[in-house]
Amino acid sequence: MSEDKDRIILDQRYAALLASYSDDALSTLAVALDDDLRTALAKVAGLPATAFDAPASLGGLIRDGIARRRAAHDVGILLSEPCTRHSIEALGDASDDPTLEELQGLLPSVTEKFGLEAVRLMVVQYSRSLKGFKQLIAADDRFALPVAAGIGVLEKDEAEQAAKRAARKERKQRERAAEKKRTGKR
């Protein structure tokens, strides 16, 4: 699968997951970041310089930034980064492609330390590339991917589509006839 397609799928997953979080949850994740990650989050989400001074409104500002800048993917990665770093360190050599069992052994400690929201974001990050994370999503309902609002299969009325095709064909024939008449061709 192409990187572009993976990116689109991850964008949709992050957008759906972040949309399901409360403003308080977003604020809690952001406040827990170190200064470097806060700076990066502020840049990516377009947060004002004083955003972290008012945690009560921070979640709403992050949500607005995600929508305005279409930054769900980057925001999701940044908000889960402390959890991801800790998990990579805890898994050691197994972090390159952890098994379901290794992830299940890690989950209690990272969930307690970082919260379920951060862990869910980390799972989304690796949900397209690592087998253990794919299995975790299938095996544990806490990590099931939410359905993105407004994203679905477009239902088309065949009769309506046929009428559009016929109208388009008729219009093109008229345009060709007008062009032939204009240029004097038969």
C-alpha atoms as a PDB file:
ATOM      1  CA  MET A   1       0.000   0.000   0.000  1.00  0.00           C
ATOM      2  CA  SER A   2       1.316   3.461  -0.804  1.00  0.00           C
ATOM      3  CA  GLU A   3       2.481   5.906   1.823  1.00  0.00           C
ATOM      4  CA  ASP A   4      -0.130   8.416   0.657  1.00  0.00           C
ATOM      5  CA  LYS A   5      -2.929   5.934   1.187  1.00  0.00           C
ATOM      6  CA  ASP A   6      -1.564   4.991   4.613  1.00  0.00           C
ATOM      7  CA  ARG A   7      -1.388   8.675   5.523  1.00  0.00           C
ATOM      8  CA  ILE A   8      -4.995   9.243   4.472  1.00  0.00           C
ATOM      9  CA  ILE A   9      -6.180   6.234   6.473  1.00  0.00           C
ATOM     10  CA  LEU A  10      -4.211   7.345   9.536  1.00  0.00           C
ATOM     11  CA  ASP A  11      -5.553  10.912   9.161  1.00  0.00           C
ATOM     12  CA  GLN A  12      -9.092   9.528   9.204  1.00  0.00           C
ATOM     13  CA  ARG A  13      -8.380   7.318  12.206  1.00  0.00           C
ATOM     14  CA  TYR A  14      -6.775  10.143  14.176  1.00  0.00           C
ATOM     15  CA  ALA A  15      -9.574  12.549  13.253  1.00  0.00           C
ATOM     16  CA  ALA A  16     -12.250  10.098  14.397  1.00  0.00           C
ATOM     17  CA  LEU A  17     -10.424   9.251  17.612  1.00  0.00           C
ATOM     18  CA  LEU A  18      -9.608  12.862  18.536  1.00  0.00           C
ATOM     19  CA  ALA A  19     -13.204  13.874  17.771  1.00  0.00           C
ATOM     20  CA  SER A  20     -14.366  11.296  20.314  1.00  0.00           C
ATOM     21  CA  TYR A  21     -12.230  12.857  23.086  1.00  0.00           C
ATOM     22  CA  SER A  22     -13.580  15.537  25.375  1.00  0.00           C
ATOM     23  CA  ASP A  23     -11.908  18.938  25.518  1.00  0.00           C
ATOM     24  CA  ASP A  24     -10.758  18.045  29.040  1.00  0.00           C
ATOM     25  CA  ALA A  25      -9.045  14.889  27.742  1.00  0.00           C
ATOM     26  CA  LEU A  26      -7.274  16.855  24.990  1.00  0.00           C
ATOM     27  CA  SER A  27      -6.184  19.460  27.511  1.00  0.00           C
ATOM     28  CA  THR A  28      -4.883  16.808  29.933  1.00  0.00           C
ATOM     29  CA  LEU A  29      -2.816  15.185  27.173  1.00  0.00           C
ATOM     30  CA  ALA A  30      -1.395  18.544  26.067  1.00  0.00           C
ATOM     31  CA  VAL A  31      -0.525  19.768  29.553  1.00  0.00           C
ATOM     32  CA  ALA A  32       1.410  16.528  30.187  1.00  0.00           C
ATOM     33  CA  LEU A  33       3.789  17.251  27.272  1.00  0.00           C
ATOM     34  CA  ASP A  34       7.332  18.504  27.847  1.00  0.00           C
ATOM     35  CA  ASP A  35       8.255  21.990  26.588  1.00  0.00           C
ATOM     36  CA  ASP A  36       9.613  20.807  23.226  1.00  0.00           C
ATOM     37  CA  LEU A  37       6.450  18.842  22.457  1.00  0.00           C
ATOM     38  CA  ARG A  38       4.264  21.728  23.655  1.00  0.00           C
ATOM     39  CA  THR A  39       6.080  24.039  21.260  1.00  0.00           C
ATOM     40  CA  ALA A  40       5.599  21.583  18.408  1.00  0.00           C
ATOM     41  CA  LEU A  41       1.899  21.134  19.274  1.00  0.00           C
ATOM     42  CA  ALA A  42       1.383  24.903  19.400  1.00  0.00           C
ATOM     43  CA  LYS A  43       2.989  25.250  15.974  1.00  0.00           C
ATOM     44  CA  VAL A  44       1.071  22.371  14.372  1.00  0.00           C
ATOM     45  CA  ALA A  45      -2.325  23.361  15.817  1.00  0.00           C
ATOM     46  CA  GLY A  46      -1.751  27.111  15.512  1.00  0.00           C
ATOM     47  CA  LEU A  47      -2.221  27.720  19.226  1.00  0.00           C
ATOM     48  CA  PRO A  48      -1.734  31.210  20.660  1.00  0.00           C
ATOM     49  CA  ALA A  49       1.309  31.786  22.861  1.00  0.00           C
ATOM     50  CA  THR A  50      -0.873  31.843  25.970  1.00  0.00           C
ATOM     51  CA  ALA A  51      -2.796  28.645  25.198  1.00  0.00           C
ATOM     52  CA  PHE A  52      -1.105  26.551  27.891  1.00  0.00           C
ATOM     53  CA  ASP A  53      -1.786  29.239  30.524  1.00  0.00           C
ATOM     54  CA  ALA A  54      -5.501  28.378  30.483  1.00  0.00           C
ATOM     55  CA  PRO A  55      -5.927  24.576  30.549  1.00  0.00           C
ATOM     56  CA  ALA A  56      -9.716  24.952  30.736  1.00  0.00           C
ATOM     57  CA  SER A  57      -9.837  26.353  27.190  1.00  0.00           C
ATOM     58  CA  LEU A  58      -6.829  24.461  25.792  1.00  0.00           C
ATOM     59  CA  GLY A  59      -8.823  21.435  24.602  1.00  0.00           C
ATOM     60  CA  GLY A  60     -11.167  23.627  22.572  1.00  0.00           C
ATOM     61  CA  LEU A  61      -8.236  25.502  21.042  1.00  0.00           C
ATOM     62  CA  ILE A  62      -6.587  22.213  20.055  1.00  0.00           C
ATOM     63  CA  ARG A  63      -9.836  20.965  18.535  1.00  0.00           C
ATOM     64  CA  ASP A  64     -10.206  24.218  16.553  1.00  0.00           C
ATOM     65  CA  GLY A  65      -6.597  23.959  15.378  1.00  0.00           C
ATOM     66  CA  ILE A  66      -7.103  20.372  14.240  1.00  0.00           C
ATOM     67  CA  ALA A  67     -10.108  21.388  12.165  1.00  0.00           C
ATOM     68  CA  ARG A  68      -8.639  24.624  10.835  1.00  0.00           C
ATOM     69  CA  ARG A  69      -5.287  23.146   9.839  1.00  0.00           C
ATOM     70  CA  ARG A  70      -6.380  19.564   9.148  1.00  0.00           C
ATOM     71  CA  ALA A  71      -3.727  18.463  11.591  1.00  0.00           C
ATOM     72  CA  ALA A  72      -5.297  15.430  13.263  1.00  0.00           C
ATOM     73  CA  HIS A  73      -2.420  13.140  12.271  1.00  0.00           C
ATOM     74  CA  ASP A  74       0.336  15.401  13.593  1.00  0.00           C
ATOM     75  CA  VAL A  75      -1.582  16.357  16.737  1.00  0.00           C
ATOM     76  CA  GLY A  76      -2.318  12.689  17.452  1.00  0.00           C
ATOM     77  CA  ILE A  77       1.356  11.777  17.189  1.00  0.00           C
ATOM     78  CA  LEU A  78       2.440  14.675  19.401  1.00  0.00           C
ATOM     79  CA  LEU A  79      -0.161  13.977  22.098  1.00  0.00           C
ATOM     80  CA  SER A  80       0.880  10.320  22.292  1.00  0.00           C
ATOM     81  CA  GLU A  81       4.636  10.901  22.036  1.00  0.00           C
ATOM     82  CA  PRO A  82       5.457  10.529  25.779  1.00  0.00           C
ATOM     83  CA  CYS A  83       3.527   7.237  25.842  1.00  0.00           C
ATOM     84  CA  THR A  84       5.217   6.080  22.634  1.00  0.00           C
ATOM     85  CA  ARG A  85       8.707   6.898  23.911  1.00  0.00           C
ATOM     86  CA  HIS A  86       8.080   5.055  27.172  1.00  0.00           C
ATOM     87  CA  SER A  87       6.626   2.049  25.339  1.00  0.00           C
ATOM     88  CA  ILE A  88       9.584   1.806  22.960  1.00  0.00           C
ATOM     89  CA  GLU A  89      11.964   1.921  25.905  1.00  0.00           C
ATOM     90  CA  ALA A  90       9.943  -0.658  27.883  1.00  0.00           C
ATOM     91  CA  LEU A  91       9.696  -3.053  24.919  1.00  0.00           C
ATOM     92  CA  GLY A  92      13.398  -2.774  24.093  1.00  0.00           C
ATOM     93  CA  ASP A  93      14.391  -4.841  21.063  1.00  0.00           C
ATOM     94  CA  ALA A  94      10.809  -6.042  20.682  1.00  0.00           C
ATOM     95  CA  SER A  95       9.670  -2.478  19.921  1.00  0.00           C
ATOM     96  CA  ASP A  96      10.466  -2.941  16.220  1.00  0.00           C
ATOM     97  CA  ASP A  97       7.507  -5.299  15.839  1.00  0.00           C
ATOM     98  CA  PRO A  98       5.950  -6.270  19.175  1.00  0.00           C
ATOM     99  CA  THR A  99       3.681  -9.273  19.439  1.00  0.00           C
ATOM    100  CA  LEU A 100       0.154  -9.067  20.767  1.00  0.00           C
ATOM    101  CA  GLU A 101       1.300 -10.753  23.971  1.00  0.00           C
ATOM    102  CA  GLU A 102       4.106  -8.214  24.478  1.00  0.00           C
ATOM    103  CA  LEU A 103       1.671  -5.348  23.949  1.00  0.00           C
ATOM    104  CA  GLN A 104      -0.872  -6.860  26.316  1.00  0.00           C
ATOM    105  CA  GLY A 105       1.872  -7.148  28.938  1.00  0.00           C
ATOM    106  CA  LEU A 106       2.777  -3.484  28.448  1.00  0.00           C
ATOM    107  CA  LEU A 107      -0.745  -2.055  28.419  1.00  0.00           C
ATOM    108  CA  PRO A 108      -1.520  -2.003  32.154  1.00  0.00           C
ATOM    109  CA  SER A 109       1.548   0.053  33.060  1.00  0.00           C
ATOM    110  CA  VAL A 110       1.317   2.539  30.158  1.00  0.00           C
ATOM    111  CA  THR A 111      -2.425   2.961  30.603  1.00  0.00           C
ATOM    112  CA  GLU A 112      -1.916   3.705  34.284  1.00  0.00           C
ATOM    113  CA  LYS A 113       0.954   6.110  33.617  1.00  0.00           C
ATOM    114  CA  PHE A 114      -0.356   7.976  30.536  1.00  0.00           C
ATOM    115  CA  GLY A 115      -4.088   7.266  30.408  1.00  0.00           C
ATOM    116  CA  LEU A 116      -6.171   5.333  27.924  1.00  0.00           C
ATOM    117  CA  GLU A 117      -6.488   8.308  25.549  1.00  0.00           C
ATOM    118  CA  ALA A 118      -2.707   8.515  24.994  1.00  0.00           C
ATOM    119  CA  VAL A 119      -2.420   4.747  24.593  1.00  0.00           C
ATOM    120  CA  ARG A 120      -5.240   4.708  22.029  1.00  0.00           C
ATOM    121  CA  LEU A 121      -3.466   7.420  20.014  1.00  0.00           C
ATOM    122  CA  MET A 122      -0.246   5.402  20.112  1.00  0.00           C
ATOM    123  CA  VAL A 123      -2.114   2.317  18.901  1.00  0.00           C
ATOM    124  CA  VAL A 124      -3.520   4.279  15.948  1.00  0.00           C
ATOM    125  CA  GLN A 125      -0.007   5.453  15.067  1.00  0.00           C
ATOM    126  CA  TYR A 126       1.180   1.875  14.516  1.00  0.00           C
ATOM    127  CA  SER A 127      -2.136   0.367  13.412  1.00  0.00           C
ATOM    128  CA  ARG A 128      -1.151   0.269   9.739  1.00  0.00           C
ATOM    129  CA  SER A 129       2.420  -0.932  10.052  1.00  0.00           C
ATOM    130  CA  LEU A 130       2.906  -3.355  12.944  1.00  0.00           C
ATOM    131  CA  LYS A 131       1.173  -6.711  13.222  1.00  0.00           C
ATOM    132  CA  GLY A 132       0.913  -6.689  17.027  1.00  0.00           C
ATOM    133  CA  PHE A 133      -0.982  -3.390  16.969  1.00  0.00           C
ATOM    134  CA  LYS A 134      -3.318  -4.666  14.240  1.00  0.00           C
ATOM    135  CA  GLN A 135      -4.060  -7.710  16.385  1.00  0.00           C
ATOM    136  CA  LEU A 136      -4.556  -5.527  19.454  1.00  0.00           C
ATOM    137  CA  ILE A 137      -7.208  -3.488  17.658  1.00  0.00           C
ATOM    138  CA  ALA A 138      -9.009  -6.686  16.682  1.00  0.00           C
ATOM    139  CA  ALA A 139      -8.670  -8.331  20.122  1.00  0.00           C
ATOM    140  CA  ASP A 140      -9.335  -5.494  22.579  1.00  0.00           C
ATOM    141  CA  ASP A 141     -12.510  -3.391  22.324  1.00  0.00           C
ATOM    142  CA  ARG A 142     -10.804  -0.464  24.087  1.00  0.00           C
ATOM    143  CA  PHE A 143      -8.676  -0.018  20.981  1.00  0.00           C
ATOM    144  CA  ALA A 144     -11.307  -0.630  18.326  1.00  0.00           C
ATOM    145  CA  LEU A 145     -11.132   2.126  15.768  1.00  0.00           C
ATOM    146  CA  PRO A 146     -13.987   4.620  15.904  1.00  0.00           C
ATOM    147  CA  VAL A 147     -15.963   5.282  12.762  1.00  0.00           C
ATOM    148  CA  ALA A 148     -15.236   8.745  11.414  1.00  0.00           C
ATOM    149  CA  ALA A 149     -18.266  10.970  11.207  1.00  0.00           C
ATOM    150  CA  GLY A 150     -19.155  11.956   7.700  1.00  0.00           C
ATOM    151  CA  ILE A 151     -16.968   9.310   6.122  1.00  0.00           C
ATOM    152  CA  GLY A 152     -18.769   6.467   4.504  1.00  0.00           C
ATOM    153  CA  VAL A 153     -19.872   4.880   1.315  1.00  0.00           C
ATOM    154  CA  LEU A 154     -21.727   7.207  -1.004  1.00  0.00           C
ATOM    155  CA  GLU A 155     -24.965   5.614  -2.116  1.00  0.00           C
ATOM    156  CA  LYS A 156     -25.840   6.463  -5.726  1.00  0.00           C
ATOM    157  CA  ASP A 157     -29.230   6.185  -7.366  1.00  0.00           C
ATOM    158  CA  GLU A 158     -28.645   4.295 -10.626  1.00  0.00           C
ATOM    159  CA  ALA A 159     -31.578   5.960 -12.423  1.00  0.00           C
ATOM    160  CA  GLU A 160     -30.242   9.382 -11.466  1.00  0.00           C
ATOM    161  CA  GLN A 161     -26.741   8.416 -12.629  1.00  0.00           C
ATOM    162  CA  ALA A 162     -28.107   7.140 -15.956  1.00  0.00           C
ATOM    163  CA  ALA A 163     -29.992  10.414 -16.482  1.00  0.00           C
ATOM    164  CA  LYS A 164     -26.805  12.388 -15.776  1.00  0.00           C
ATOM    165  CA  ARG A 165     -24.841  10.274 -18.242  1.00  0.00           C
ATOM    166  CA  ALA A 166     -27.492  10.745 -20.944  1.00  0.00           C
ATOM    167  CA  ALA A 167     -27.579  14.521 -20.372  1.00  0.00           C
ATOM    168  CA  ARG A 168     -23.777  14.679 -20.483  1.00  0.00           C
ATOM    169  CA  LYS A 169     -23.725  12.684 -23.767  1.00  0.00           C
ATOM    170  CA  GLU A 170     -26.356  14.956 -25.308  1.00  0.00           C
ATOM    171  CA  ARG A 171     -24.475  18.092 -24.225  1.00  0.00           C
ATOM    172  CA  LYS A 172     -21.220  16.788 -25.734  1.00  0.00           C
ATOM    173  CA  GLN A 173     -22.981  16.001 -29.019  1.00  0.00           C
ATOM    174  CA  ARG A 174     -24.377  19.556 -29.144  1.00  0.00           C
ATOM    175  CA  GLU A 175     -20.910  20.967 -28.399  1.00  0.00           C
ATOM    176  CA  ARG A 176     -19.350  18.863 -31.170  1.00  0.00           C
ATOM    177  CA  ALA A 177     -22.051  19.939 -33.636  1.00  0.00           C
ATOM    178  CA  ALA A 178     -21.557  23.593 -32.707  1.00  0.00           C
ATOM    179  CA  GLU A 179     -17.781  23.228 -33.089  1.00  0.00           C
ATOM    180  CA  LYS A 180     -18.173  21.604 -36.530  1.00  0.00           C
ATOM    181  CA  LYS A 181     -20.558  24.355 -37.606  1.00  0.00           C
ATOM    182  CA  ARG A 182     -18.168  27.039 -36.338  1.00  0.00           C
ATOM    183  CA  THR A 183     -15.141  25.573 -38.098  1.00  0.00           C
ATOM    184  CA  GLY A 184     -17.013  24.535 -41.225  1.00  0.00           C
ATOM    185  CA  LYS A 185     -16.183  20.823 -40.874  1.00  0.00           C
ATOM    186  CA  ARG A 186     -18.647  18.085 -41.587  1.00  0.00           C
END
